[in-house]
PDB file of N, CA and C in Angstrom:
ATOM      1  N   MET A   1     105.134  85.786  97.785  1.00  0.00           N
ATOM      2  CA  MET A   1     106.041  84.864  98.422  1.00  0.00           C
ATOM      3  C   MET A   1     107.273  85.636  98.892  1.00  0.00           C
ATOM      4  N   SER A   2     107.708  85.301 100.092  1.00  0.00           N
ATOM      5  CA  SER A   2     108.851  85.968 100.682  1.00  0.00           C
ATOM      6  C   SER A   2     110.145  85.561  99.988  1.00  0.00           C
ATOM      7  N   ARG A   3     110.980  86.542  99.727  1.00  0.00           N
ATOM      8  CA  ARG A   3     112.304  86.278  99.144  1.00  0.00           C
ATOM      9  C   ARG A   3     113.328  86.757 100.153  1.00  0.00           C
ATOM     10  N   LYS A   4     113.667  85.851 101.068  1.00  0.00           N
ATOM     11  CA  LYS A   4     114.640  86.211 102.092  1.00  0.00           C
ATOM     12  C   LYS A   4     115.771  85.194 102.102  1.00  0.00           C
ATOM     13  N   LYS A   5     116.920  85.654 102.585  1.00  0.00           N
ATOM     14  CA  LYS A   5     118.097  84.801 102.632  1.00  0.00           C
ATOM     15  C   LYS A   5     118.761  85.005 103.993  1.00  0.00           C
ATOM     16  N   LEU A   6     118.995  83.919 104.708  1.00  0.00           N
ATOM     17  CA  LEU A   6     119.702  83.979 105.968  1.00  0.00           C
ATOM     18  C   LEU A   6     121.166  84.298 105.678  1.00  0.00           C
ATOM     19  N   THR A   7     121.657  85.422 106.215  1.00  0.00           N
ATOM     20  CA  THR A   7     123.022  85.844 105.912  1.00  0.00           C
ATOM     21  C   THR A   7     123.962  85.721 107.099  1.00  0.00           C
ATOM     22  N   GLY A   8     123.424  85.478 108.284  1.00  0.00           N
ATOM     23  CA  GLY A   8     124.304  85.351 109.440  1.00  0.00           C
ATOM     24  C   GLY A   8     123.573  84.855 110.667  1.00  0.00           C
ATOM     25  N   VAL A   9     124.290  84.078 111.477  1.00  0.00           N
ATOM     26  CA  VAL A   9     123.776  83.603 112.761  1.00  0.00           C
ATOM     27  C   VAL A   9     124.909  83.749 113.767  1.00  0.00           C
ATOM     28  N   SER A  10     124.602  84.325 114.913  1.00  0.00           N
ATOM     29  CA  SER A  10     125.611  84.429 115.962  1.00  0.00           C
ATOM     30  C   SER A  10     124.970  84.056 117.295  1.00  0.00           C
ATOM     31  N   THR A  11     125.780  83.495 118.193  1.00  0.00           N
ATOM     32  CA  THR A  11     125.307  83.129 119.522  1.00  0.00           C
ATOM     33  C   THR A  11     126.307  83.628 120.554  1.00  0.00           C
ATOM     34  N   SER A  12     125.794  83.925 121.742  1.00  0.00           N
ATOM     35  CA  SER A  12     126.659  84.345 122.833  1.00  0.00           C
ATOM     36  C   SER A  12     125.935  84.128 124.159  1.00  0.00           C
ATOM     37  N   THR A  13     126.704  84.124 125.218  1.00  0.00           N
ATOM     38  CA  THR A  13     126.166  84.099 126.576  1.00  0.00           C
ATOM     39  C   THR A  13     126.946  85.122 127.377  1.00  0.00           C
ATOM     40  N   ASN A  14     126.217  86.013 128.058  1.00  0.00           N
ATOM     41  CA  ASN A  14     126.843  87.063 128.843  1.00  0.00           C
ATOM     42  C   ASN A  14     126.019  87.269 130.106  1.00  0.00           C
ATOM     43  N   ASN A  15     126.650  87.143 131.262  1.00  0.00           N
ATOM     44  CA  ASN A  15     125.958  87.310 132.546  1.00  0.00           C
ATOM     45  C   ASN A  15     124.721  86.422 132.651  1.00  0.00           C
ATOM     46  N   GLY A  16     124.799  85.210 132.129  1.00  0.00           N
ATOM     47  CA  GLY A  16     123.694  84.259 132.222  1.00  0.00           C
ATOM     48  C   GLY A  16     122.604  84.454 131.190  1.00  0.00           C
ATOM     49  N   ILE A  17     122.758  85.413 130.300  1.00  0.00           N
ATOM     50  CA  ILE A  17     121.762  85.668 129.266  1.00  0.00           C
ATOM     51  C   ILE A  17     122.245  85.042 127.960  1.00  0.00           C
ATOM     52  N   GLN A  18     121.456  84.110 127.459  1.00  0.00           N
ATOM     53  CA  GLN A  18     121.776  83.461 126.191  1.00  0.00           C
ATOM     54  C   GLN A  18     121.182  84.286 125.059  1.00  0.00           C
ATOM     55  N   THR A  19     121.985  84.547 124.029  1.00  0.00           N
ATOM     56  CA  THR A  19     121.532  85.359 122.905  1.00  0.00           C
ATOM     57  C   THR A  19     121.833  84.644 121.593  1.00  0.00           C
ATOM     58  N   LYS A  20     120.853  84.669 120.698  1.00  0.00           N
ATOM     59  CA  LYS A  20     121.044  84.145 119.347  1.00  0.00           C
ATOM     60  C   LYS A  20     120.464  85.184 118.381  1.00  0.00           C
ATOM     61  N   LYS A  21     121.254  85.533 117.358  1.00  0.00           N
ATOM     62  CA  LYS A  21     120.819  86.561 116.403  1.00  0.00           C
ATOM     63  C   LYS A  21     120.854  85.985 114.992  1.00  0.00           C
ATOM     64  N   TYR A  22     119.750  86.168 114.275  1.00  0.00           N
ATOM     65  CA  TYR A  22     119.616  85.741 112.889  1.00  0.00           C
ATOM     66  C   TYR A  22     119.510  86.990 112.028  1.00  0.00           C
ATOM     67  N   GLU A  23     120.318  87.079 110.979  1.00  0.00           N
ATOM     68  CA  GLU A  23     120.256  88.224 110.072  1.00  0.00           C
ATOM     69  C   GLU A  23     119.784  87.749 108.701  1.00  0.00           C
ATOM     70  N   TYR A  24     118.836  88.499 108.144  1.00  0.00           N
ATOM     71  CA  TYR A  24     118.248  88.146 106.859  1.00  0.00           C
ATOM     72  C   TYR A  24     118.399  89.284 105.863  1.00  0.00           C
ATOM     73  N   GLN A  25     118.705  88.926 104.648  1.00  0.00           N
ATOM     74  CA  GLN A  25     118.627  89.854 103.533  1.00  0.00           C
ATOM     75  C   GLN A  25     117.277  89.564 102.894  1.00  0.00           C
ATOM     76  N   SER A  26     116.505  90.597 102.609  1.00  0.00           N
ATOM     77  CA  SER A  26     115.152  90.355 102.116  1.00  0.00           C
ATOM     78  C   SER A  26     114.672  91.468 101.201  1.00  0.00           C
ATOM     79  N   GLU A  27     114.027  91.074 100.128  1.00  0.00           N
ATOM     80  CA  GLU A  27     113.375  92.025  99.225  1.00  0.00           C
ATOM     81  C   GLU A  27     112.000  92.402  99.747  1.00  0.00           C
ATOM     82  N   THR A  28     111.495  91.616 100.698  1.00  0.00           N
ATOM     83  CA  THR A  28     110.155  91.833 101.248  1.00  0.00           C
ATOM     84  C   THR A  28     110.236  91.964 102.771  1.00  0.00           C
ATOM     85  N   ALA A  29     111.199  92.747 103.248  1.00  0.00           N
ATOM     86  CA  ALA A  29     111.467  92.840 104.685  1.00  0.00           C
ATOM     87  C   ALA A  29     110.235  93.239 105.488  1.00  0.00           C
ATOM     88  N   GLN A  30     109.505  94.261 105.054  1.00  0.00           N
ATOM     89  CA  GLN A  30     108.360  94.711 105.843  1.00  0.00           C
ATOM     90  C   GLN A  30     107.280  93.632 105.919  1.00  0.00           C
ATOM     91  N   GLN A  31     107.026  92.921 104.825  1.00  0.00           N
ATOM     92  CA  GLN A  31     106.063  91.817 104.852  1.00  0.00           C
ATOM     93  C   GLN A  31     106.541  90.709 105.788  1.00  0.00           C
ATOM     94  N   ASP A  32     107.822  90.389 105.731  1.00  0.00           N
ATOM     95  CA  ASP A  32     108.381  89.356 106.610  1.00  0.00           C
ATOM     96  C   ASP A  32     108.225  89.742 108.072  1.00  0.00           C
ATOM     97  N   VAL A  33     108.529  91.001 108.387  1.00  0.00           N
ATOM     98  CA  VAL A  33     108.416  91.493 109.758  1.00  0.00           C
ATOM     99  C   VAL A  33     106.952  91.469 110.203  1.00  0.00           C
ATOM    100  N   ASP A  34     106.037  91.905 109.354  1.00  0.00           N
ATOM    101  CA  ASP A  34     104.611  91.878 109.690  1.00  0.00           C
ATOM    102  C   ASP A  34     104.140  90.457 109.981  1.00  0.00           C
ATOM    103  N   GLN A  35     104.562  89.499 109.171  1.00  0.00           N
ATOM    104  CA  GLN A  35     104.183  88.094 109.391  1.00  0.00           C
ATOM    105  C   GLN A  35     104.771  87.580 110.709  1.00  0.00           C
ATOM    106  N   SER A  36     106.012  87.951 110.998  1.00  0.00           N
ATOM    107  CA  SER A  36     106.651  87.530 112.250  1.00  0.00           C
ATOM    108  C   SER A  36     105.920  88.112 113.451  1.00  0.00           C
ATOM    109  N   MET A  37     105.547  89.390 113.375  1.00  0.00           N
ATOM    110  CA  MET A  37     104.821  90.039 114.462  1.00  0.00           C
ATOM    111  C   MET A  37     103.509  89.323 114.735  1.00  0.00           C
ATOM    112  N   LYS A  38     102.767  89.046 113.691  1.00  0.00           N
ATOM    113  CA  LYS A  38     101.475  88.383 113.831  1.00  0.00           C
ATOM    114  C   LYS A  38     101.650  86.984 114.427  1.00  0.00           C
ATOM    115  N   TYR A  39     102.625  86.240 113.935  1.00  0.00           N
ATOM    116  CA  TYR A  39     102.866  84.886 114.420  1.00  0.00           C
ATOM    117  C   TYR A  39     103.247  84.891 115.904  1.00  0.00           C
ATOM    118  N   LEU A  40     104.187  85.756 116.297  1.00  0.00           N
ATOM    119  CA  LEU A  40     104.618  85.799 117.688  1.00  0.00           C
ATOM    120  C   LEU A  40     103.473  86.122 118.627  1.00  0.00           C
ATOM    121  N   ASN A  41     102.630  87.058 118.235  1.00  0.00           N
ATOM    122  CA  ASN A  41     101.532  87.484 119.085  1.00  0.00           C
ATOM    123  C   ASN A  41     100.386  86.483 119.098  1.00  0.00           C
ATOM    124  N   GLU A  42      99.935  86.070 117.939  1.00  0.00           N
ATOM    125  CA  GLU A  42      98.733  85.237 117.848  1.00  0.00           C
ATOM    126  C   GLU A  42      98.988  83.748 118.056  1.00  0.00           C
ATOM    127  N   GLU A  43     100.125  83.258 117.618  1.00  0.00           N
ATOM    128  CA  GLU A  43     100.380  81.817 117.679  1.00  0.00           C
ATOM    129  C   GLU A  43     101.257  81.403 118.857  1.00  0.00           C
ATOM    130  N   GLU A  44     102.165  82.261 119.270  1.00  0.00           N
ATOM    131  CA  GLU A  44     103.133  81.879 120.300  1.00  0.00           C
ATOM    132  C   GLU A  44     102.904  82.562 121.650  1.00  0.00           C
ATOM    133  N   GLY A  45     101.941  83.490 121.720  1.00  0.00           N
ATOM    134  CA  GLY A  45     101.605  84.119 122.992  1.00  0.00           C
ATOM    135  C   GLY A  45     102.585  85.159 123.495  1.00  0.00           C
ATOM    136  N   TYR A  46     103.384  85.729 122.596  1.00  0.00           N
ATOM    137  CA  TYR A  46     104.298  86.795 123.002  1.00  0.00           C
ATOM    138  C   TYR A  46     103.522  88.090 123.155  1.00  0.00           C
ATOM    139  N   HIS A  47     103.970  88.918 124.091  1.00  0.00           N
ATOM    140  CA  HIS A  47     103.370  90.226 124.330  1.00  0.00           C
ATOM    141  C   HIS A  47     104.248  91.306 123.707  1.00  0.00           C
ATOM    142  N   VAL A  48     103.606  92.313 123.158  1.00  0.00           N
ATOM    143  CA  VAL A  48     104.341  93.446 122.604  1.00  0.00           C
ATOM    144  C   VAL A  48     104.900  94.247 123.770  1.00  0.00           C
ATOM    145  N   LEU A  49     106.195  94.451 123.776  1.00  0.00           N
ATOM    146  CA  LEU A  49     106.836  95.256 124.808  1.00  0.00           C
ATOM    147  C   LEU A  49     107.174  96.639 124.299  1.00  0.00           C
ATOM    148  N   LYS A  50     107.522  96.733 123.019  1.00  0.00           N
ATOM    149  CA  LYS A  50     107.837  98.018 122.408  1.00  0.00           C
ATOM    150  C   LYS A  50     107.586  97.881 120.918  1.00  0.00           C
ATOM    151  N   LEU A  51     106.713  98.709 120.401  1.00  0.00           N
ATOM    152  CA  LEU A  51     106.330  98.579 119.003  1.00  0.00           C
ATOM    153  C   LEU A  51     106.925  99.666 118.125  1.00  0.00           C
ATOM    154  N   GLU A  52     107.087 100.854 118.648  1.00  0.00           N
ATOM    155  CA  GLU A  52     107.582 101.950 117.813  1.00  0.00           C
ATOM    156  C   GLU A  52     108.682 102.701 118.533  1.00  0.00           C
ATOM    157  N   ASN A  53     109.736 102.970 117.822  1.00  0.00           N
ATOM    158  CA  ASN A  53     110.772 103.876 118.317  1.00  0.00           C
ATOM    159  C   ASN A  53     111.638 104.319 117.157  1.00  0.00           C
ATOM    160  N   GLU A  54     112.558 105.196 117.438  1.00  0.00           N
ATOM    161  CA  GLU A  54     113.383 105.752 116.373  1.00  0.00           C
ATOM    162  C   GLU A  54     114.401 104.757 115.820  1.00  0.00           C
ATOM    163  N   ASP A  55     114.604 103.635 116.495  1.00  0.00           N
ATOM    164  CA  ASP A  55     115.593 102.654 116.050  1.00  0.00           C
ATOM    165  C   ASP A  55     115.009 101.542 115.183  1.00  0.00           C
ATOM    166  N   ASN A  56     113.728 101.598 114.874  1.00  0.00           N
ATOM    167  CA  ASN A  56     113.057 100.568 114.072  1.00  0.00           C
ATOM    168  C   ASN A  56     113.168  99.181 114.682  1.00  0.00           C
ATOM    169  N   VAL A  57     113.070  99.093 116.003  1.00  0.00           N
ATOM    170  CA  VAL A  57     113.148  97.816 116.695  1.00  0.00           C
ATOM    171  C   VAL A  57     111.794  97.503 117.327  1.00  0.00           C
ATOM    172  N   LEU A  58     111.296  96.296 117.079  1.00  0.00           N
ATOM    173  CA  LEU A  58     110.081  95.799 117.693  1.00  0.00           C
ATOM    174  C   LEU A  58     110.497  94.809 118.768  1.00  0.00           C
ATOM    175  N   SER A  59     109.895  94.883 119.962  1.00  0.00           N
ATOM    176  CA  SER A  59     110.273  93.996 121.058  1.00  0.00           C
ATOM    177  C   SER A  59     109.070  93.211 121.554  1.00  0.00           C
ATOM    178  N   TYR A  60     109.299  91.913 121.763  1.00  0.00           N
ATOM    179  CA  TYR A  60     108.273  91.001 122.259  1.00  0.00           C
ATOM    180  C   TYR A  60     108.855  90.198 123.408  1.00  0.00           C
ATOM    181  N   GLY A  61     107.985  89.731 124.313  1.00  0.00           N
ATOM    182  CA  GLY A  61     108.473  88.915 125.409  1.00  0.00           C
ATOM    183  C   GLY A  61     107.402  88.005 125.965  1.00  0.00           C
ATOM    184  N   LYS A  62     107.859  86.948 126.633  1.00  0.00           N
ATOM    185  CA  LYS A  62     106.966  86.074 127.372  1.00  0.00           C
ATOM    186  C   LYS A  62     107.801  85.285 128.368  1.00  0.00           C
ATOM    187  N   GLU A  63     107.104  84.722 129.353  1.00  0.00           N
ATOM    188  CA  GLU A  63     107.780  83.894 130.332  1.00  0.00           C
ATOM    189  C   GLU A  63     108.202  82.592 129.682  1.00  0.00           C
ATOM    190  N   SER A  64     109.386  82.126 130.051  1.00  0.00           N
ATOM    191  CA  SER A  64     109.904  80.865 129.544  1.00  0.00           C
ATOM    192  C   SER A  64     109.240  79.708 130.294  1.00  0.00           C
ATOM    193  N   ILE A  65     109.310  78.523 129.730  1.00  0.00           N
ATOM    194  CA  ILE A  65     108.818  77.345 130.459  1.00  0.00           C
ATOM    195  C   ILE A  65     109.776  77.018 131.610  1.00  0.00           C
ATOM    196  N   ASP A  66     110.986  77.558 131.566  1.00  0.00           N
ATOM    197  CA  ASP A  66     111.944  77.419 132.667  1.00  0.00           C
ATOM    198  C   ASP A  66     111.623  78.502 133.691  1.00  0.00           C
ATOM    199  N   GLU A  67     111.129  78.090 134.859  1.00  0.00           N
ATOM    200  CA  GLU A  67     110.658  79.024 135.872  1.00  0.00           C
ATOM    201  C   GLU A  67     111.689  80.097 136.198  1.00  0.00           C
ATOM    202  N   GLY A  68     111.221  81.344 136.274  1.00  0.00           N
ATOM    203  CA  GLY A  68     112.068  82.469 136.609  1.00  0.00           C
ATOM    204  C   GLY A  68     112.819  83.065 135.441  1.00  0.00           C
ATOM    205  N   ASN A  69     112.607  82.510 134.249  1.00  0.00           N
ATOM    206  CA  ASN A  69     113.271  83.010 133.042  1.00  0.00           C
ATOM    207  C   ASN A  69     112.258  83.646 132.096  1.00  0.00           C
ATOM    208  N   VAL A  70     112.738  84.525 131.254  1.00  0.00           N
ATOM    209  CA  VAL A  70     111.921  85.142 130.213  1.00  0.00           C
ATOM    210  C   VAL A  70     112.628  85.002 128.876  1.00  0.00           C
ATOM    211  N   ILE A  71     111.850  85.103 127.828  1.00  0.00           N
ATOM    212  CA  ILE A  71     112.378  85.114 126.473  1.00  0.00           C
ATOM    213  C   ILE A  71     111.997  86.450 125.860  1.00  0.00           C
ATOM    214  N   LEU A  72     112.979  87.148 125.337  1.00  0.00           N
ATOM    215  CA  LEU A  72     112.757  88.432 124.678  1.00  0.00           C
ATOM    216  C   LEU A  72     113.184  88.311 123.227  1.00  0.00           C
ATOM    217  N   ILE A  73     112.374  88.849 122.338  1.00  0.00           N
ATOM    218  CA  ILE A  73     112.684  88.836 120.912  1.00  0.00           C
ATOM    219  C   ILE A  73     112.622  90.258 120.384  1.00  0.00           C
ATOM    220  N   ASN A  74     113.694  90.673 119.727  1.00  0.00           N
ATOM    221  CA  ASN A  74     113.725  91.963 119.048  1.00  0.00           C
ATOM    222  C   ASN A  74     113.783  91.714 117.550  1.00  0.00           C
ATOM    223  N   ILE A  75     112.993  92.457 116.816  1.00  0.00           N
ATOM    224  CA  ILE A  75     113.031  92.421 115.354  1.00  0.00           C
ATOM    225  C   ILE A  75     113.469  93.805 114.916  1.00  0.00           C
ATOM    226  N   ASP A  76     114.611  93.858 114.265  1.00  0.00           N
ATOM    227  CA  ASP A  76     115.260  95.112 113.917  1.00  0.00           C
ATOM    228  C   ASP A  76     115.346  95.218 112.400  1.00  0.00           C
ATOM    229  N   THR A  77     114.675  96.205 111.814  1.00  0.00           N
ATOM    230  CA  THR A  77     114.783  96.393 110.369  1.00  0.00           C
ATOM    231  C   THR A  77     116.100  97.097 110.068  1.00  0.00           C
ATOM    232  N   THR A  78     116.730  96.672 108.993  1.00  0.00           N
ATOM    233  CA  THR A  78     118.027  97.207 108.603  1.00  0.00           C
ATOM    234  C   THR A  78     117.955  97.677 107.153  1.00  0.00           C
ATOM    235  N   SER A  79     119.043  98.222 106.669  1.00  0.00           N
ATOM    236  CA  SER A  79     119.068  98.696 105.286  1.00  0.00           C
ATOM    237  C   SER A  79     119.025  97.545 104.287  1.00  0.00           C
ATOM    238  N   PHE A  80     119.433  96.345 104.700  1.00  0.00           N
ATOM    239  CA  PHE A  80     119.455  95.201 103.786  1.00  0.00           C
ATOM    240  C   PHE A  80     118.308  94.235 104.016  1.00  0.00           C
ATOM    241  N   GLY A  81     117.600  94.360 105.122  1.00  0.00           N
ATOM    242  CA  GLY A  81     116.519  93.419 105.445  1.00  0.00           C
ATOM    243  C   GLY A  81     116.105  93.563 106.889  1.00  0.00           C
ATOM    244  N   TYR A  82     116.402  92.546 107.700  1.00  0.00           N
ATOM    245  CA  TYR A  82     116.048  92.607 109.110  1.00  0.00           C
ATOM    246  C   TYR A  82     116.866  91.597 109.898  1.00  0.00           C
ATOM    247  N   ALA A  83     116.863  91.785 111.217  1.00  0.00           N
ATOM    248  CA  ALA A  83     117.556  90.873 112.126  1.00  0.00           C
ATOM    249  C   ALA A  83     116.598  90.510 113.248  1.00  0.00           C
ATOM    250  N   ILE A  84     116.648  89.256 113.676  1.00  0.00           N
ATOM    251  CA  ILE A  84     115.850  88.778 114.797  1.00  0.00           C
ATOM    252  C   ILE A  84     116.823  88.332 115.887  1.00  0.00           C
ATOM    253  N   THR A  85     116.703  88.955 117.064  1.00  0.00           N
ATOM    254  CA  THR A  85     117.554  88.622 118.199  1.00  0.00           C
ATOM    255  C   THR A  85     116.689  88.014 119.292  1.00  0.00           C
ATOM    256  N   ILE A  86     117.086  86.831 119.762  1.00  0.00           N
ATOM    257  CA  ILE A  86     116.354  86.114 120.803  1.00  0.00           C
ATOM    258  C   ILE A  86     117.252  86.033 122.035  1.00  0.00           C
ATOM    259  N   ARG A  87     116.705  86.456 123.185  1.00  0.00           N
ATOM    260  CA  ARG A  87     117.453  86.406 124.440  1.00  0.00           C
ATOM    261  C   ARG A  87     116.655  85.616 125.467  1.00  0.00           C
ATOM    262  N   LYS A  88     117.368  84.842 126.278  1.00  0.00           N
ATOM    263  CA  LYS A  88     116.732  84.098 127.361  1.00  0.00           C
ATOM    264  C   LYS A  88     117.580  84.266 128.610  1.00  0.00           C
ATOM    265  N   GLY A  89     116.904  84.597 129.724  1.00  0.00           N
ATOM    266  CA  GLY A  89     117.613  84.751 130.983  1.00  0.00           C
ATOM    267  C   GLY A  89     116.641  84.988 132.120  1.00  0.00           C
ATOM    268  N   LYS A  90     117.179  85.157 133.296  1.00  0.00           N
ATOM    269  CA  LYS A  90     116.361  85.408 134.489  1.00  0.00           C
ATOM    270  C   LYS A  90     115.660  86.754 134.336  1.00  0.00           C
ATOM    271  N   GLY A  91     114.399  86.799 134.795  1.00  0.00           N
ATOM    272  CA  GLY A  91     113.668  88.054 134.756  1.00  0.00           C
ATOM    273  C   GLY A  91     112.179  87.862 134.801  1.00  0.00           C
ATOM    274  N   GLU A  92     111.477  88.960 134.674  1.00  0.00           N
ATOM    275  CA  GLU A  92     110.026  88.997 134.680  1.00  0.00           C
ATOM    276  C   GLU A  92     109.552  89.889 133.539  1.00  0.00           C
ATOM    277  N   ILE A  93     108.355  89.610 133.059  1.00  0.00           N
ATOM    278  CA  ILE A  93     107.714  90.467 132.060  1.00  0.00           C
ATOM    279  C   ILE A  93     106.677  91.316 132.779  1.00  0.00           C
ATOM    280  N   ASP A  94     106.839  92.624 132.741  1.00  0.00           N
ATOM    281  CA  ASP A  94     105.855  93.540 133.303  1.00  0.00           C
ATOM    282  C   ASP A  94     104.997  94.057 132.172  1.00  0.00           C
ATOM    283  N   LEU A  95     103.710  93.753 132.221  1.00  0.00           N
ATOM    284  CA  LEU A  95     102.791  94.204 131.177  1.00  0.00           C
ATOM    285  C   LEU A  95     102.007  95.402 131.687  1.00  0.00           C
ATOM    286  N   TYR A  96     101.980  96.436 130.881  1.00  0.00           N
ATOM    287  CA  TYR A  96     101.221  97.632 131.221  1.00  0.00           C
ATOM    288  C   TYR A  96      99.974  97.622 130.364  1.00  0.00           C
ATOM    289  N   GLU A  97      98.854  97.443 131.011  1.00  0.00           N
ATOM    290  CA  GLU A  97      97.578  97.349 130.296  1.00  0.00           C
ATOM    291  C   GLU A  97      96.970  98.723 130.131  1.00  0.00           C
TER     292      GLU A  97
END
């Protein structure tokens, strides 16, 4: 069972891009992130945009139901747990197969 605690929520809008960030403290951060990755891909239809890099950030995206907009989600592992950042704004998702 996941032992996570929501420690912060922030929202902002900049240049038409809406951003909401959730920060979690977690004893099971990697399990939580793995479950989130699976859910976003298999249940919500998000595409992996970036899976590995030196910053420990996973990126997912899909087209919004609002025409011409996209939703991007970053999952960032931290020293205390992880953070999930959701952005919505004008754009396109380019998938490289």
